[in-house]
N, C-alpha and C. Protein backbone atom coordinates (compact mmCIF):
# COMPACT_ATOMS: atom_id res chain seq x y z
N MET A 1 0.84 -1.20 0.00
CA MET A 1 0.00 0.00 0.00
C MET A 1 0.87 1.25 0.00
N THR A 2 0.36 2.30 -0.63
CA THR A 2 1.08 3.57 -0.65
C THR A 2 0.39 4.57 0.25
N ASN A 3 1.15 5.48 0.81
CA ASN A 3 0.57 6.49 1.69
C ASN A 3 0.96 7.89 1.23
N TYR A 4 1.07 8.05 -0.10
CA TYR A 4 1.38 9.35 -0.67
C TYR A 4 0.31 9.74 -1.69
N THR A 5 0.19 11.02 -1.93
CA THR A 5 -0.77 11.53 -2.90
C THR A 5 -0.04 12.28 -3.99
N LYS A 6 -0.37 11.99 -5.22
CA LYS A 6 0.27 12.67 -6.35
C LYS A 6 -0.08 14.14 -6.38
N ARG A 7 0.81 14.95 -6.92
CA ARG A 7 0.48 16.34 -7.17
C ARG A 7 -0.56 16.41 -8.28
N THR A 8 -1.53 17.28 -8.12
CA THR A 8 -2.46 17.54 -9.21
C THR A 8 -1.73 18.35 -10.28
N LYS A 9 -2.34 18.47 -11.45
CA LYS A 9 -1.72 19.26 -12.51
C LYS A 9 -1.53 20.71 -12.06
N GLN A 10 -2.48 21.22 -11.28
CA GLN A 10 -2.37 22.59 -10.78
C GLN A 10 -1.24 22.70 -9.76
N GLU A 11 -1.13 21.73 -8.87
CA GLU A 11 -0.05 21.74 -7.87
C GLU A 11 1.31 21.61 -8.54
N LEU A 12 1.37 20.81 -9.60
CA LEU A 12 2.63 20.66 -10.32
C LEU A 12 3.01 21.96 -11.01
N ALA A 13 2.03 22.63 -11.60
CA ALA A 13 2.30 23.92 -12.24
C ALA A 13 2.79 24.94 -11.21
N GLN A 14 2.20 24.91 -10.02
CA GLN A 14 2.62 25.82 -8.96
C GLN A 14 4.04 25.51 -8.51
N ARG A 15 4.39 24.22 -8.47
CA ARG A 15 5.74 23.81 -8.07
C ARG A 15 6.78 24.32 -9.09
N VAL A 16 6.47 24.22 -10.36
CA VAL A 16 7.38 24.73 -11.39
C VAL A 16 7.52 26.24 -11.26
N ALA A 17 6.40 26.92 -11.08
CA ALA A 17 6.39 28.38 -11.03
C ALA A 17 7.26 28.92 -9.91
N GLN A 18 7.33 28.21 -8.79
CA GLN A 18 8.08 28.73 -7.64
C GLN A 18 9.59 28.75 -7.89
N ASP A 19 10.06 28.02 -8.90
CA ASP A 19 11.49 27.99 -9.20
C ASP A 19 11.89 28.97 -10.31
N ILE A 20 10.93 29.63 -10.91
CA ILE A 20 11.24 30.61 -11.95
C ILE A 20 11.66 31.93 -11.29
N PHE A 21 12.75 32.49 -11.73
CA PHE A 21 13.31 33.66 -11.06
C PHE A 21 12.80 34.96 -11.67
N ASP A 22 12.88 35.99 -10.88
CA ASP A 22 12.44 37.32 -11.31
C ASP A 22 13.27 37.79 -12.50
N GLY A 23 12.58 38.29 -13.52
CA GLY A 23 13.26 38.80 -14.71
C GLY A 23 13.51 37.76 -15.79
N ALA A 24 13.05 36.52 -15.57
CA ALA A 24 13.32 35.45 -16.52
C ALA A 24 12.46 35.57 -17.78
N TYR A 25 13.05 35.19 -18.91
CA TYR A 25 12.32 35.02 -20.17
C TYR A 25 12.07 33.52 -20.32
N VAL A 26 10.79 33.15 -20.42
CA VAL A 26 10.40 31.74 -20.29
C VAL A 26 9.45 31.34 -21.41
N ASN A 27 9.70 30.18 -22.01
CA ASN A 27 8.76 29.59 -22.96
C ASN A 27 8.06 28.43 -22.28
N LEU A 28 6.73 28.44 -22.31
CA LEU A 28 5.93 27.35 -21.75
C LEU A 28 5.39 26.51 -22.91
N GLY A 29 5.79 25.25 -22.97
CA GLY A 29 5.41 24.38 -24.07
C GLY A 29 3.93 24.01 -24.07
N ILE A 30 3.53 23.36 -25.14
CA ILE A 30 2.14 22.94 -25.33
C ILE A 30 1.76 21.91 -24.26
N GLY A 31 0.52 21.98 -23.78
CA GLY A 31 0.02 21.01 -22.80
C GLY A 31 0.15 21.52 -21.38
N GLN A 32 0.54 20.63 -20.47
CA GLN A 32 0.63 20.98 -19.05
C GLN A 32 1.45 22.24 -18.77
N PRO A 33 2.58 22.46 -19.45
CA PRO A 33 3.39 23.64 -19.11
C PRO A 33 2.65 24.97 -19.19
N THR A 34 1.62 25.07 -20.03
CA THR A 34 0.90 26.35 -20.14
C THR A 34 0.24 26.74 -18.83
N LEU A 35 -0.04 25.78 -17.95
CA LEU A 35 -0.68 26.07 -16.66
C LEU A 35 0.22 26.89 -15.74
N VAL A 36 1.52 26.84 -15.97
CA VAL A 36 2.47 27.54 -15.10
C VAL A 36 2.19 29.04 -15.08
N ALA A 37 1.71 29.58 -16.19
CA ALA A 37 1.44 31.02 -16.28
C ALA A 37 0.46 31.50 -15.21
N ASN A 38 -0.42 30.60 -14.76
CA ASN A 38 -1.44 30.98 -13.78
C ASN A 38 -0.92 31.03 -12.36
N TYR A 39 0.34 30.60 -12.13
CA TYR A 39 0.85 30.48 -10.76
C TYR A 39 2.14 31.24 -10.53
N LEU A 40 2.51 32.13 -11.44
CA LEU A 40 3.72 32.92 -11.22
C LEU A 40 3.49 33.88 -10.06
N PRO A 41 4.43 33.99 -9.13
CA PRO A 41 4.24 34.83 -7.94
C PRO A 41 3.98 36.29 -8.30
N GLU A 42 3.10 36.91 -7.56
CA GLU A 42 2.80 38.33 -7.77
C GLU A 42 4.03 39.17 -7.41
N GLY A 43 4.19 40.25 -8.11
CA GLY A 43 5.31 41.14 -7.84
C GLY A 43 6.57 40.80 -8.62
N MET A 44 6.56 39.64 -9.32
CA MET A 44 7.71 39.26 -10.13
C MET A 44 7.44 39.62 -11.58
N GLU A 45 8.50 39.97 -12.30
CA GLU A 45 8.38 40.19 -13.74
C GLU A 45 8.98 39.00 -14.46
N VAL A 46 8.11 38.17 -15.01
CA VAL A 46 8.52 37.02 -15.82
C VAL A 46 7.92 37.23 -17.20
N VAL A 47 8.75 37.26 -18.22
CA VAL A 47 8.28 37.52 -19.59
C VAL A 47 8.09 36.18 -20.29
N LEU A 48 6.81 35.88 -20.61
CA LEU A 48 6.48 34.61 -21.24
C LEU A 48 6.50 34.74 -22.76
N HIS A 49 7.14 33.77 -23.40
CA HIS A 49 7.33 33.73 -24.85
C HIS A 49 6.53 32.58 -25.44
N SER A 50 5.93 32.82 -26.59
CA SER A 50 5.27 31.74 -27.32
C SER A 50 5.88 31.66 -28.71
N GLU A 51 6.16 30.44 -29.17
CA GLU A 51 6.91 30.28 -30.41
C GLU A 51 6.17 30.77 -31.65
N ASN A 52 4.85 30.96 -31.54
CA ASN A 52 4.13 31.49 -32.69
C ASN A 52 4.25 33.01 -32.80
N GLY A 53 5.02 33.65 -31.90
CA GLY A 53 5.35 35.05 -32.06
C GLY A 53 4.76 36.00 -31.06
N ILE A 54 4.86 35.68 -29.76
CA ILE A 54 4.36 36.56 -28.71
C ILE A 54 5.39 36.67 -27.60
N LEU A 55 5.56 37.87 -27.07
CA LEU A 55 6.29 38.09 -25.83
C LEU A 55 5.38 38.85 -24.88
N GLY A 56 5.34 38.43 -23.62
CA GLY A 56 4.55 39.15 -22.63
C GLY A 56 3.16 38.59 -22.43
N MET A 57 3.01 37.27 -22.50
CA MET A 57 1.71 36.66 -22.24
C MET A 57 1.37 36.72 -20.76
N GLY A 58 0.08 36.79 -20.46
CA GLY A 58 -0.38 36.76 -19.09
C GLY A 58 -1.08 35.46 -18.77
N GLN A 59 -1.95 35.48 -17.76
CA GLN A 59 -2.69 34.29 -17.37
C GLN A 59 -3.75 33.95 -18.42
N ALA A 60 -4.33 32.76 -18.29
CA ALA A 60 -5.42 32.37 -19.19
C ALA A 60 -6.59 33.33 -19.02
N PRO A 61 -7.30 33.64 -20.10
CA PRO A 61 -8.44 34.57 -19.98
C PRO A 61 -9.60 33.95 -19.20
N LEU A 62 -10.42 34.80 -18.61
CA LEU A 62 -11.62 34.33 -17.94
C LEU A 62 -12.61 33.78 -18.94
N THR A 63 -13.46 32.86 -18.50
CA THR A 63 -14.47 32.29 -19.38
C THR A 63 -15.35 33.40 -19.94
N GLY A 64 -15.51 33.38 -21.24
CA GLY A 64 -16.31 34.40 -21.90
C GLY A 64 -15.50 35.58 -22.39
N GLU A 65 -14.23 35.67 -21.98
CA GLU A 65 -13.38 36.78 -22.39
C GLU A 65 -12.27 36.34 -23.34
N GLU A 66 -12.41 35.14 -23.91
CA GLU A 66 -11.39 34.63 -24.82
C GLU A 66 -11.39 35.40 -26.14
N ASP A 67 -10.21 35.63 -26.67
CA ASP A 67 -10.03 36.24 -27.98
C ASP A 67 -9.24 35.25 -28.82
N TYR A 68 -9.92 34.61 -29.78
CA TYR A 68 -9.26 33.56 -30.54
C TYR A 68 -8.34 34.08 -31.65
N ASP A 69 -8.17 35.41 -31.70
CA ASP A 69 -7.10 35.98 -32.50
C ASP A 69 -5.83 36.13 -31.67
N LEU A 70 -5.94 35.84 -30.37
CA LEU A 70 -4.79 35.93 -29.45
C LEU A 70 -4.61 34.54 -28.81
N ILE A 71 -3.76 33.74 -29.43
CA ILE A 71 -3.59 32.35 -29.00
C ILE A 71 -2.10 32.03 -28.87
N ASN A 72 -1.83 30.97 -28.08
CA ASN A 72 -0.45 30.51 -27.96
C ASN A 72 -0.17 29.43 -29.02
N ALA A 73 0.99 28.80 -28.94
CA ALA A 73 1.39 27.81 -29.93
C ALA A 73 0.49 26.57 -29.92
N GLY A 74 -0.20 26.34 -28.80
CA GLY A 74 -1.12 25.22 -28.71
C GLY A 74 -2.54 25.59 -29.10
N LYS A 75 -2.71 26.79 -29.67
CA LYS A 75 -4.02 27.30 -30.13
C LYS A 75 -4.98 27.56 -28.97
N GLN A 76 -4.43 27.76 -27.77
CA GLN A 76 -5.24 28.14 -26.62
C GLN A 76 -5.29 29.66 -26.50
N PRO A 77 -6.47 30.23 -26.19
CA PRO A 77 -6.54 31.68 -26.00
C PRO A 77 -5.71 32.10 -24.80
N VAL A 78 -5.02 33.23 -24.94
CA VAL A 78 -4.17 33.76 -23.86
C VAL A 78 -4.48 35.25 -23.68
N THR A 79 -3.87 35.85 -22.69
CA THR A 79 -3.96 37.30 -22.50
C THR A 79 -2.59 37.91 -22.76
N LEU A 80 -2.57 39.21 -22.96
CA LEU A 80 -1.32 39.92 -23.21
C LEU A 80 -1.16 41.00 -22.15
N LEU A 81 0.00 41.02 -21.50
CA LEU A 81 0.28 42.03 -20.48
C LEU A 81 0.67 43.36 -21.14
N ALA A 82 0.61 44.43 -20.36
CA ALA A 82 1.06 45.74 -20.84
C ALA A 82 2.51 45.64 -21.30
N GLY A 83 2.78 46.13 -22.48
CA GLY A 83 4.13 46.05 -23.04
C GLY A 83 4.37 44.80 -23.86
N GLY A 84 3.39 43.92 -23.94
CA GLY A 84 3.52 42.70 -24.73
C GLY A 84 3.65 43.02 -26.21
N ALA A 85 4.17 42.05 -26.97
CA ALA A 85 4.45 42.30 -28.39
C ALA A 85 4.16 41.06 -29.24
N TYR A 86 3.83 41.32 -30.51
CA TYR A 86 3.68 40.27 -31.52
C TYR A 86 4.79 40.43 -32.54
N PHE A 87 5.21 39.34 -33.15
CA PHE A 87 6.25 39.43 -34.18
C PHE A 87 6.21 38.19 -35.06
N HIS A 88 7.01 38.23 -36.12
CA HIS A 88 7.04 37.16 -37.11
C HIS A 88 7.53 35.85 -36.50
N HIS A 89 7.01 34.76 -37.03
CA HIS A 89 7.41 33.43 -36.58
C HIS A 89 8.93 33.24 -36.67
N ALA A 90 9.52 33.75 -37.74
CA ALA A 90 10.98 33.61 -37.92
C ALA A 90 11.74 34.34 -36.82
N ASP A 91 11.24 35.51 -36.41
CA ASP A 91 11.88 36.25 -35.32
C ASP A 91 11.77 35.47 -34.01
N SER A 92 10.63 34.81 -33.82
CA SER A 92 10.43 34.02 -32.62
C SER A 92 11.45 32.88 -32.54
N PHE A 93 11.67 32.21 -33.66
CA PHE A 93 12.64 31.11 -33.67
C PHE A 93 14.07 31.62 -33.55
N ALA A 94 14.32 32.84 -34.03
CA ALA A 94 15.64 33.42 -33.84
C ALA A 94 15.91 33.66 -32.36
N MET A 95 14.88 34.06 -31.62
CA MET A 95 15.02 34.22 -30.17
C MET A 95 15.34 32.88 -29.51
N MET A 96 14.62 31.84 -29.94
CA MET A 96 14.81 30.52 -29.35
C MET A 96 16.20 29.97 -29.65
N ARG A 97 16.61 30.07 -30.91
CA ARG A 97 17.88 29.50 -31.33
C ARG A 97 19.07 30.34 -30.89
N GLY A 98 18.82 31.62 -30.62
CA GLY A 98 19.90 32.53 -30.28
C GLY A 98 20.27 32.57 -28.81
N GLY A 99 19.65 31.71 -27.99
CA GLY A 99 20.00 31.65 -26.58
C GLY A 99 19.42 32.79 -25.75
N HIS A 100 18.30 33.36 -26.21
CA HIS A 100 17.71 34.50 -25.51
C HIS A 100 16.67 34.11 -24.46
N LEU A 101 16.32 32.83 -24.39
CA LEU A 101 15.37 32.36 -23.39
C LEU A 101 16.13 31.78 -22.20
N ASP A 102 15.70 32.17 -21.01
CA ASP A 102 16.35 31.63 -19.81
C ASP A 102 15.88 30.21 -19.51
N ILE A 103 14.59 29.94 -19.69
CA ILE A 103 14.02 28.64 -19.33
C ILE A 103 12.99 28.24 -20.38
N SER A 104 13.00 26.99 -20.78
CA SER A 104 11.89 26.41 -21.53
C SER A 104 11.32 25.27 -20.69
N VAL A 105 10.00 25.22 -20.61
CA VAL A 105 9.32 24.16 -19.86
C VAL A 105 8.55 23.32 -20.88
N LEU A 106 8.94 22.06 -21.02
CA LEU A 106 8.38 21.20 -22.06
C LEU A 106 7.76 19.94 -21.46
N GLY A 107 6.84 19.34 -22.18
CA GLY A 107 6.35 18.01 -21.85
C GLY A 107 7.29 16.97 -22.44
N ALA A 108 7.10 15.70 -22.08
CA ALA A 108 7.99 14.66 -22.60
C ALA A 108 7.33 13.29 -22.57
N PHE A 109 7.75 12.45 -23.50
CA PHE A 109 7.39 11.03 -23.47
C PHE A 109 8.41 10.26 -22.62
N GLN A 110 9.68 10.66 -22.76
CA GLN A 110 10.76 10.04 -21.97
C GLN A 110 11.87 11.07 -21.72
N VAL A 111 12.52 10.91 -20.57
CA VAL A 111 13.74 11.67 -20.26
C VAL A 111 14.74 10.69 -19.66
N SER A 112 15.97 10.74 -20.13
CA SER A 112 16.98 9.84 -19.56
C SER A 112 17.57 10.46 -18.29
N ALA A 113 18.21 9.62 -17.50
CA ALA A 113 18.80 10.08 -16.24
C ALA A 113 19.84 11.16 -16.45
N THR A 114 20.46 11.20 -17.65
CA THR A 114 21.48 12.20 -17.94
C THR A 114 20.93 13.37 -18.75
N GLY A 115 19.60 13.42 -18.95
CA GLY A 115 18.99 14.59 -19.54
C GLY A 115 18.67 14.53 -21.02
N ASP A 116 18.77 13.36 -21.64
CA ASP A 116 18.31 13.24 -23.03
C ASP A 116 16.79 13.36 -23.05
N LEU A 117 16.26 13.97 -24.10
CA LEU A 117 14.83 14.26 -24.18
C LEU A 117 14.21 13.62 -25.41
N ALA A 118 13.06 12.96 -25.21
CA ALA A 118 12.25 12.44 -26.30
C ALA A 118 10.82 12.93 -26.09
N ASN A 119 10.38 13.87 -26.94
CA ASN A 119 9.05 14.42 -26.71
C ASN A 119 8.26 14.74 -27.98
N TRP A 120 8.72 14.21 -29.12
CA TRP A 120 8.01 14.56 -30.35
C TRP A 120 7.37 13.38 -31.06
N SER A 121 7.76 12.16 -30.72
CA SER A 121 7.19 10.98 -31.39
C SER A 121 7.42 9.74 -30.54
N THR A 122 6.42 8.88 -30.51
CA THR A 122 6.58 7.58 -29.86
C THR A 122 7.03 6.53 -30.86
N GLY A 123 7.10 6.90 -32.13
CA GLY A 123 7.52 5.96 -33.17
C GLY A 123 6.46 4.96 -33.57
N GLU A 124 5.25 5.09 -33.00
CA GLU A 124 4.19 4.14 -33.32
C GLU A 124 3.69 4.35 -34.74
N ALA A 125 3.32 3.25 -35.40
CA ALA A 125 2.80 3.32 -36.76
C ALA A 125 1.50 4.13 -36.77
N GLY A 126 1.41 5.08 -37.68
CA GLY A 126 0.21 5.89 -37.79
C GLY A 126 0.19 7.11 -36.90
N ALA A 127 1.14 7.19 -35.96
CA ALA A 127 1.19 8.36 -35.08
C ALA A 127 1.69 9.57 -35.86
N ILE A 128 1.15 10.73 -35.53
CA ILE A 128 1.52 11.96 -36.24
C ILE A 128 2.66 12.62 -35.48
N PRO A 129 3.85 12.71 -36.08
CA PRO A 129 4.96 13.40 -35.39
C PRO A 129 4.61 14.85 -35.14
N ALA A 130 5.03 15.37 -34.00
CA ALA A 130 4.67 16.73 -33.63
C ALA A 130 5.86 17.45 -33.01
N VAL A 131 6.92 17.58 -33.79
CA VAL A 131 8.14 18.15 -33.23
C VAL A 131 7.99 19.65 -32.99
N GLY A 132 7.30 20.38 -33.88
CA GLY A 132 7.14 21.82 -33.70
C GLY A 132 8.48 22.49 -33.45
N GLY A 133 8.53 23.33 -32.42
CA GLY A 133 9.77 24.01 -32.08
C GLY A 133 10.53 23.36 -30.94
N ALA A 134 10.15 22.11 -30.60
CA ALA A 134 10.73 21.46 -29.41
C ALA A 134 12.25 21.35 -29.49
N MET A 135 12.77 20.99 -30.66
CA MET A 135 14.23 20.84 -30.77
C MET A 135 14.94 22.17 -30.57
N ASP A 136 14.35 23.24 -31.11
CA ASP A 136 14.95 24.56 -30.96
C ASP A 136 14.91 25.02 -29.51
N LEU A 137 13.79 24.77 -28.83
CA LEU A 137 13.65 25.15 -27.43
C LEU A 137 14.57 24.33 -26.53
N ALA A 138 14.65 23.03 -26.81
CA ALA A 138 15.43 22.13 -25.95
C ALA A 138 16.90 22.50 -25.89
N VAL A 139 17.44 22.91 -27.03
CA VAL A 139 18.88 23.22 -27.07
C VAL A 139 19.16 24.72 -27.05
N GLY A 140 18.13 25.55 -27.30
CA GLY A 140 18.35 26.99 -27.37
C GLY A 140 18.22 27.70 -26.04
N ALA A 141 17.36 27.19 -25.16
CA ALA A 141 17.15 27.83 -23.87
C ALA A 141 18.35 27.56 -22.95
N LYS A 142 18.60 28.49 -22.04
CA LYS A 142 19.72 28.31 -21.11
C LYS A 142 19.46 27.15 -20.15
N GLN A 143 18.18 26.92 -19.81
CA GLN A 143 17.80 25.75 -19.02
C GLN A 143 16.53 25.15 -19.62
N THR A 144 16.50 23.84 -19.76
CA THR A 144 15.30 23.15 -20.21
C THR A 144 14.78 22.30 -19.06
N TRP A 145 13.53 22.55 -18.70
CA TRP A 145 12.85 21.77 -17.67
C TRP A 145 11.74 20.96 -18.31
N VAL A 146 11.51 19.78 -17.78
CA VAL A 146 10.40 18.93 -18.24
C VAL A 146 9.35 18.85 -17.16
N MET A 147 8.10 18.93 -17.57
CA MET A 147 6.95 18.85 -16.67
C MET A 147 6.06 17.72 -17.17
N MET A 148 5.87 16.66 -16.35
CA MET A 148 5.14 15.49 -16.82
C MET A 148 4.73 14.59 -15.66
N ASP A 149 3.84 13.64 -15.92
CA ASP A 149 3.58 12.56 -14.99
C ASP A 149 4.80 11.65 -14.97
N LEU A 150 5.15 11.14 -13.81
CA LEU A 150 6.33 10.27 -13.73
C LEU A 150 6.11 8.94 -14.45
N LEU A 151 4.88 8.42 -14.38
CA LEU A 151 4.57 7.11 -14.94
C LEU A 151 3.58 7.21 -16.09
N THR A 152 3.66 6.27 -17.02
CA THR A 152 2.67 6.18 -18.09
C THR A 152 1.38 5.57 -17.53
N LYS A 153 0.35 5.54 -18.35
CA LYS A 153 -0.91 4.93 -17.93
C LYS A 153 -0.74 3.43 -17.64
N LYS A 154 0.30 2.83 -18.18
CA LYS A 154 0.60 1.42 -17.92
C LYS A 154 1.47 1.23 -16.68
N GLY A 155 1.83 2.35 -16.03
CA GLY A 155 2.65 2.27 -14.83
C GLY A 155 4.14 2.18 -15.09
N GLU A 156 4.56 2.46 -16.33
CA GLU A 156 5.98 2.43 -16.66
C GLU A 156 6.60 3.81 -16.47
N SER A 157 7.83 3.85 -16.02
CA SER A 157 8.50 5.12 -15.76
C SER A 157 8.84 5.83 -17.07
N LYS A 158 8.57 7.14 -17.09
CA LYS A 158 8.98 7.96 -18.22
C LYS A 158 10.43 8.43 -18.06
N VAL A 159 10.96 8.28 -16.85
CA VAL A 159 12.38 8.56 -16.61
C VAL A 159 13.11 7.24 -16.78
N VAL A 160 14.06 7.20 -17.69
CA VAL A 160 14.68 5.94 -18.09
C VAL A 160 16.20 6.07 -18.12
N GLN A 161 16.86 4.93 -18.19
CA GLN A 161 18.31 4.94 -18.33
C GLN A 161 18.71 5.46 -19.71
N GLU A 162 17.97 5.02 -20.73
CA GLU A 162 18.25 5.44 -22.11
C GLU A 162 16.93 5.51 -22.86
N CYS A 163 16.68 6.60 -23.55
CA CYS A 163 15.41 6.79 -24.26
C CYS A 163 15.28 5.77 -25.40
N SER A 164 14.08 5.19 -25.53
CA SER A 164 13.80 4.26 -26.63
C SER A 164 13.02 4.95 -27.74
N TYR A 165 12.49 6.14 -27.47
CA TYR A 165 11.77 6.91 -28.47
C TYR A 165 12.74 7.82 -29.23
N PRO A 166 12.35 8.28 -30.42
CA PRO A 166 13.22 9.20 -31.17
C PRO A 166 13.58 10.43 -30.34
N LEU A 167 14.85 10.81 -30.36
CA LEU A 167 15.33 11.89 -29.50
C LEU A 167 15.01 13.28 -30.05
N THR A 168 14.75 14.18 -29.12
CA THR A 168 14.59 15.60 -29.42
C THR A 168 15.92 16.32 -29.22
N GLY A 169 16.62 15.96 -28.14
CA GLY A 169 17.90 16.58 -27.84
C GLY A 169 18.70 15.72 -26.89
N LEU A 170 20.02 15.88 -26.91
CA LEU A 170 20.93 15.11 -26.06
C LEU A 170 21.38 15.94 -24.87
N GLY A 171 21.24 15.39 -23.67
CA GLY A 171 21.76 16.02 -22.46
C GLY A 171 21.25 17.43 -22.24
N CYS A 172 20.04 17.72 -22.68
CA CYS A 172 19.53 19.10 -22.63
C CYS A 172 18.65 19.38 -21.42
N VAL A 173 18.10 18.35 -20.78
CA VAL A 173 17.16 18.55 -19.68
C VAL A 173 17.92 18.73 -18.37
N LYS A 174 17.63 19.85 -17.69
CA LYS A 174 18.27 20.12 -16.41
C LYS A 174 17.45 19.56 -15.26
N ARG A 175 16.13 19.74 -15.32
CA ARG A 175 15.26 19.30 -14.24
C ARG A 175 14.01 18.61 -14.78
N ILE A 176 13.50 17.66 -13.99
CA ILE A 176 12.24 16.99 -14.27
C ILE A 176 11.29 17.30 -13.13
N TYR A 177 10.18 17.95 -13.46
CA TYR A 177 9.12 18.22 -12.48
C TYR A 177 7.99 17.24 -12.76
N SER A 178 7.74 16.34 -11.82
CA SER A 178 6.71 15.32 -12.03
C SER A 178 5.68 15.36 -10.91
N ASP A 179 4.64 14.56 -11.08
CA ASP A 179 3.57 14.51 -10.08
C ASP A 179 3.99 13.84 -8.79
N LEU A 180 5.17 13.20 -8.77
CA LEU A 180 5.64 12.52 -7.56
C LEU A 180 6.93 13.09 -6.99
N ALA A 181 7.76 13.67 -7.85
CA ALA A 181 9.06 14.15 -7.37
C ALA A 181 9.65 15.16 -8.34
N THR A 182 10.59 15.95 -7.84
CA THR A 182 11.38 16.85 -8.67
C THR A 182 12.80 16.31 -8.70
N LEU A 183 13.33 16.13 -9.91
CA LEU A 183 14.63 15.50 -10.08
C LEU A 183 15.54 16.38 -10.92
N GLU A 184 16.82 16.30 -10.64
CA GLU A 184 17.82 16.97 -11.46
C GLU A 184 18.55 15.93 -12.28
N CYS A 185 18.74 16.20 -13.58
CA CYS A 185 19.50 15.31 -14.45
C CYS A 185 20.95 15.78 -14.47
N THR A 186 21.86 14.89 -14.19
CA THR A 186 23.29 15.22 -14.18
C THR A 186 24.05 14.16 -14.97
N PRO A 187 25.30 14.43 -15.37
CA PRO A 187 26.10 13.41 -16.06
C PRO A 187 26.28 12.14 -15.25
N GLU A 188 26.13 12.26 -13.91
CA GLU A 188 26.28 11.09 -13.03
C GLU A 188 24.94 10.40 -12.76
N GLY A 189 23.84 10.94 -13.29
CA GLY A 189 22.53 10.33 -13.06
C GLY A 189 21.58 11.28 -12.35
N LEU A 190 20.55 10.71 -11.75
CA LEU A 190 19.46 11.49 -11.16
C LEU A 190 19.80 11.96 -9.75
N LYS A 191 19.45 13.21 -9.47
CA LYS A 191 19.60 13.77 -8.14
C LYS A 191 18.23 14.22 -7.65
N LEU A 192 17.88 13.86 -6.42
CA LEU A 192 16.57 14.18 -5.86
C LEU A 192 16.56 15.60 -5.31
N ILE A 193 15.59 16.40 -5.77
CA ILE A 193 15.38 17.74 -5.23
C ILE A 193 14.28 17.71 -4.18
N ASP A 194 13.15 17.10 -4.49
CA ASP A 194 12.09 16.90 -3.50
C ASP A 194 11.13 15.83 -3.99
N GLN A 195 10.31 15.35 -3.08
CA GLN A 195 9.27 14.38 -3.43
C GLN A 195 8.02 14.68 -2.62
N VAL A 196 6.88 14.10 -3.04
CA VAL A 196 5.64 14.35 -2.31
C VAL A 196 5.71 13.69 -0.95
N ASP A 197 4.96 14.22 0.00
CA ASP A 197 4.93 13.66 1.35
C ASP A 197 4.49 12.20 1.32
N GLY A 198 5.19 11.38 2.10
CA GLY A 198 4.83 9.98 2.20
C GLY A 198 5.52 9.08 1.21
N LEU A 199 6.19 9.66 0.23
CA LEU A 199 6.91 8.85 -0.77
C LEU A 199 8.37 8.75 -0.35
N SER A 200 8.82 7.53 -0.07
CA SER A 200 10.21 7.33 0.34
C SER A 200 11.13 7.31 -0.88
N LYS A 201 12.39 7.58 -0.64
CA LYS A 201 13.39 7.52 -1.70
C LYS A 201 13.44 6.11 -2.29
N GLU A 202 13.32 5.11 -1.43
CA GLU A 202 13.38 3.72 -1.89
C GLU A 202 12.21 3.38 -2.82
N GLU A 203 11.00 3.87 -2.48
CA GLU A 203 9.85 3.63 -3.32
C GLU A 203 9.98 4.38 -4.64
N LEU A 204 10.51 5.58 -4.59
CA LEU A 204 10.73 6.35 -5.82
C LEU A 204 11.71 5.62 -6.73
N GLU A 205 12.78 5.09 -6.17
CA GLU A 205 13.75 4.33 -6.97
C GLU A 205 13.11 3.08 -7.56
N ARG A 206 12.21 2.46 -6.80
CA ARG A 206 11.52 1.27 -7.32
C ARG A 206 10.63 1.63 -8.50
N LEU A 207 9.92 2.75 -8.40
CA LEU A 207 9.04 3.18 -9.49
C LEU A 207 9.82 3.53 -10.74
N ILE A 208 10.95 4.20 -10.55
CA ILE A 208 11.76 4.62 -11.71
C ILE A 208 12.61 3.47 -12.23
N GLY A 209 13.08 2.64 -11.31
CA GLY A 209 13.97 1.55 -11.72
C GLY A 209 15.41 1.99 -11.87
N LEU A 210 15.74 3.14 -11.27
CA LEU A 210 17.08 3.69 -11.34
C LEU A 210 17.48 4.26 -9.99
N PRO A 211 18.78 4.33 -9.70
CA PRO A 211 19.19 4.95 -8.44
C PRO A 211 18.96 6.45 -8.49
N VAL A 212 18.60 7.02 -7.34
CA VAL A 212 18.39 8.46 -7.21
C VAL A 212 19.30 8.94 -6.09
N HIS A 213 20.17 9.90 -6.37
CA HIS A 213 21.12 10.39 -5.39
C HIS A 213 20.53 11.58 -4.65
N VAL A 214 20.82 11.67 -3.37
CA VAL A 214 20.34 12.78 -2.55
C VAL A 214 21.43 13.86 -2.56
């Protein structure tokens, strides 16, 4: 029996947000990472970037106040803060590739203990590859963080010794924020930053199938 409770998607977004520093330029990837915008601490200036050509995004709009001419890369309606800007897609990718982003927060299918990232294809027949700007973000940002459930629906760990899915980038992931634990990827393997209450290090290692260093 287990005596721990997983972080909800909202709690996980809040956990990621608390590590973003004042003045950071941040790209929030499609899916769960977009929730982080709703939990950035008040009084901080964090400039959110979207690869379709926006700087200065705010929180998600209130119901009924959506403007579908103002969307992020995942086609979700967003808000724009004072001083926000729109620009060409090519300029957006120049920002990503030019090392101008401090942090990118991405989803993933797999992450290796040393930070290799696989997040654009499972390689399954008939699956639609969806690389988008993931490769540019993974290697262009000064830090790449992954936000995901630790386990698949089958109970298999998404954190692995070596990725079996097609790679997005090599050794690019600095941190993994999951519903059970926060981990750092290092050349020597996984380092534990924190875990949910009630989850022991030994149980976490059993779930992942890899050693976790404190």
